[in-house]
Amino acid sequence: MPEITEAELKKKIDRSDLSGLYFLYGDEKYLVSHYTERLAGKAGGRQYPDFNLQKFDGSEAGADRIAEAALALPFLSDRKCVVVKDPDAGAMKAGEAKKWEELVSSLPETTVLAVSLPNRAADGKKDRGWKKFIGLMEQYGNAVRFGRRTGEQLRRLLCTGAEKRGCTLSRANADRLV
């Protein structure tokens, strides 16, 4: 599947139209974290989160442990969510990369696998490991790249955020914050 936009991801989460694999990365680390949590909350469900939502630190958990969690059936729910934060594809050995490929190519319909980089940078242009990993994520899932926001986008975000919270923020004050 090709790369999707932030707006498309937001619609999928709001409609609970979730499927398979999501890879969230980019310069805007806050947005990566925010959407990872929204995705996990929606996909893992409210009932039995101890069983249907599992989180892993990608630098510590290997592909075998992640696959074990992803292949397990959900508990009294339609689906489960497995979140993997900050895997290091740049330092991944060939055997580990092969296990990742096997996992993402054979995800069960009952599992949503969310791989995100809230603290790590993925340089797909300079690093072969990252280029291959990003390609794998795009091939088998939904990749969302959160690029750097422009000043105008940030101003609009601040003003609409204040408005949603019952406050007003002038354009001049939003400019100061930006």
Protein backbone atom coordinates (compact mmCIF):
# COMPACT_ATOMS: atom_id res chain seq x y z
CA MET A 1 0.00 0.00 0.00
CA PRO A 2 1.30 3.47 -0.68
CA GLU A 3 1.99 6.11 1.91
CA ILE A 4 -1.18 7.68 3.35
CA THR A 5 -1.69 11.20 4.70
CA GLU A 6 -2.34 12.32 8.24
CA ALA A 7 -5.93 13.21 7.27
CA GLU A 8 -6.53 9.71 5.88
CA LEU A 9 -5.13 8.15 9.06
CA LYS A 10 -7.35 10.37 11.20
CA LYS A 11 -10.43 9.30 9.21
CA LYS A 12 -9.50 5.62 9.55
CA ILE A 13 -9.10 5.97 13.32
CA ASP A 14 -12.33 7.96 13.73
CA ARG A 15 -14.34 5.41 11.70
CA SER A 16 -12.58 2.41 13.32
CA ASP A 17 -11.67 1.33 9.80
CA LEU A 18 -8.38 -0.21 10.90
CA SER A 19 -6.44 -2.91 9.14
CA GLY A 20 -3.17 -4.75 9.50
CA LEU A 21 -0.04 -2.67 9.66
CA TYR A 22 0.62 1.03 10.37
CA PHE A 23 4.05 2.65 10.27
CA LEU A 24 4.22 6.16 11.72
CA TYR A 25 7.41 8.20 11.41
CA GLY A 26 8.76 11.62 10.51
CA ASP A 27 10.06 14.92 11.83
CA GLU A 28 7.00 15.82 13.91
CA LYS A 29 7.61 13.49 16.86
CA TYR A 30 4.65 14.84 18.83
CA LEU A 31 2.27 13.82 16.02
CA VAL A 32 3.89 10.39 15.74
CA SER A 33 3.29 9.83 19.48
CA HIS A 34 -0.20 11.32 19.38
CA TYR A 35 -1.46 9.17 16.51
CA THR A 36 0.26 6.05 17.85
CA GLU A 37 -1.70 6.44 21.10
CA ARG A 38 -4.97 7.16 19.26
CA LEU A 39 -4.46 4.13 17.04
CA ALA A 40 -3.62 1.91 20.02
CA GLY A 41 -6.64 3.13 21.98
CA LYS A 42 -9.04 2.50 19.11
CA ALA A 43 -7.58 -0.81 17.91
CA GLY A 44 -6.92 -2.28 21.37
CA GLY A 45 -10.42 -1.55 22.53
CA ARG A 46 -11.65 -0.48 25.92
CA GLN A 47 -12.38 -3.97 27.21
CA TYR A 48 -9.52 -6.10 28.44
CA PRO A 49 -6.66 -3.78 27.42
CA ASP A 50 -4.23 -5.96 29.38
CA PHE A 51 -4.86 -8.73 26.85
CA ASN A 52 -5.74 -6.86 23.67
CA LEU A 53 -3.10 -4.11 23.76
CA GLN A 54 0.58 -4.98 23.99
CA LYS A 55 3.40 -2.47 23.76
CA PHE A 56 7.06 -3.15 23.01
CA ASP A 57 10.23 -1.12 22.91
CA GLY A 58 11.59 -1.99 19.49
CA SER A 59 15.22 -1.67 20.55
CA GLU A 60 14.73 -4.31 23.27
CA ALA A 61 12.13 -6.71 21.88
CA GLY A 62 13.07 -8.97 19.02
CA ALA A 63 10.90 -9.90 16.06
CA ASP A 64 10.13 -13.30 17.61
CA ARG A 65 8.57 -11.76 20.73
CA ILE A 66 6.62 -9.24 18.66
CA ALA A 67 5.40 -11.98 16.29
CA GLU A 68 4.26 -14.09 19.23
CA ALA A 69 2.12 -11.21 20.48
CA ALA A 70 0.82 -10.32 17.00
CA LEU A 71 -0.18 -13.89 16.13
CA ALA A 72 -2.08 -14.47 19.38
CA LEU A 73 -5.86 -14.22 19.21
CA PRO A 74 -7.69 -11.29 20.83
CA PHE A 75 -9.49 -11.88 24.12
CA LEU A 76 -13.28 -11.42 23.87
CA SER A 77 -12.85 -8.81 21.17
CA ASP A 78 -12.77 -8.52 17.38
CA ARG A 79 -9.14 -7.46 17.28
CA LYS A 80 -6.04 -6.70 19.27
CA CYS A 81 -3.29 -4.12 18.89
CA VAL A 82 0.46 -4.57 19.14
CA VAL A 83 2.52 -1.36 19.35
CA VAL A 84 6.25 -1.37 18.63
CA LYS A 85 8.08 1.89 19.33
CA ASP A 86 11.49 2.78 17.93
CA PRO A 87 12.82 -0.35 16.27
CA ASP A 88 16.34 0.22 14.95
CA ALA A 89 16.19 -0.91 11.34
CA GLY A 90 19.57 0.69 10.66
CA ALA A 91 21.28 -1.79 13.01
CA MET A 92 19.04 -4.77 12.23
CA LYS A 93 20.77 -7.95 11.16
CA ALA A 94 19.62 -9.83 8.04
CA GLY A 95 18.00 -12.64 10.05
CA GLU A 96 15.99 -10.20 12.15
CA ALA A 97 14.92 -8.27 9.04
CA LYS A 98 13.72 -11.52 7.46
CA LYS A 99 11.62 -12.27 10.56
CA TRP A 100 10.05 -8.80 10.32
CA GLU A 101 9.20 -9.46 6.68
CA GLU A 102 7.58 -12.79 7.57
CA LEU A 103 5.58 -11.12 10.33
CA VAL A 104 4.21 -8.18 8.35
CA SER A 105 3.45 -10.30 5.30
CA SER A 106 1.32 -12.75 7.31
CA LEU A 107 -0.46 -10.62 9.92
CA PRO A 108 -3.79 -12.10 10.98
CA GLU A 109 -6.94 -10.06 10.30
CA THR A 110 -7.52 -9.83 14.04
CA THR A 111 -4.29 -7.89 14.71
CA VAL A 112 -3.39 -4.25 14.18
CA LEU A 113 0.38 -3.81 14.30
CA ALA A 114 1.44 -0.19 14.89
CA VAL A 115 5.16 0.47 14.39
CA SER A 116 6.19 4.02 15.25
CA LEU A 117 9.30 6.12 15.64
CA PRO A 118 8.47 8.74 18.31
CA ASN A 119 12.13 9.09 19.35
CA ARG A 120 14.16 7.77 16.44
CA ALA A 121 14.90 9.21 13.02
CA ALA A 122 14.54 7.03 9.93
CA ASP A 123 16.87 8.08 7.15
CA GLY A 124 15.68 6.11 4.15
CA LYS A 125 17.94 8.05 1.78
CA LYS A 126 21.30 7.40 3.42
CA ASP A 127 20.80 4.17 5.35
CA ARG A 128 20.10 0.96 3.41
CA GLY A 129 18.57 -0.77 6.42
CA TRP A 130 16.02 2.00 6.89
CA LYS A 131 15.28 2.20 3.17
CA LYS A 132 14.48 -1.51 3.08
CA PHE A 133 12.43 -1.34 6.31
CA ILE A 134 10.35 1.64 5.11
CA GLY A 135 9.79 -0.11 1.78
CA LEU A 136 8.62 -3.21 3.63
CA MET A 137 6.20 -1.18 5.75
CA GLU A 138 4.81 0.58 2.66
CA GLN A 139 4.46 -2.71 0.78
CA TYR A 140 2.43 -4.51 3.44
CA GLY A 141 0.78 -1.69 5.37
CA ASN A 142 -0.08 1.96 5.76
CA ALA A 143 2.92 4.26 6.15
CA VAL A 144 2.33 7.76 7.46
CA ARG A 145 5.17 10.29 7.31
CA PHE A 146 4.68 13.36 9.51
CA GLY A 147 6.74 16.06 7.82
CA ARG A 148 7.74 19.36 9.36
CA ARG A 149 4.81 21.79 9.62
CA THR A 150 4.94 25.25 8.07
CA GLY A 151 4.41 28.38 10.14
CA GLU A 152 0.93 28.88 8.68
CA GLN A 153 -0.08 25.30 9.47
CA LEU A 154 1.13 25.71 13.06
CA ARG A 155 -0.78 29.01 13.47
CA ARG A 156 -3.96 27.39 12.15
CA LEU A 157 -3.46 24.39 14.45
CA LEU A 158 -3.01 26.64 17.50
CA CYS A 159 -6.03 28.80 16.71
CA THR A 160 -8.38 25.88 16.01
CA GLY A 161 -7.08 24.03 19.08
CA ALA A 162 -7.82 27.02 21.28
CA GLU A 163 -11.26 27.38 19.68
CA LYS A 164 -12.11 23.72 20.35
CA ARG A 165 -11.25 24.30 24.01
CA GLY A 166 -13.55 27.32 24.27
CA CYS A 167 -10.78 29.94 24.09
CA THR A 168 -9.71 32.49 21.54
CA LEU A 169 -6.18 32.96 20.29
CA SER A 170 -5.42 35.89 18.07
CA ARG A 171 -3.31 35.45 14.96
CA ALA A 172 -0.68 37.79 16.45
CA ASN A 173 -0.39 35.69 19.61
CA ALA A 174 -0.28 32.50 17.56
CA ASP A 175 2.58 34.08 15.54
CA ARG A 176 4.44 34.74 18.79
CA LEU A 177 4.05 31.14 19.88
CA VAL A 178 5.23 29.86 16.51
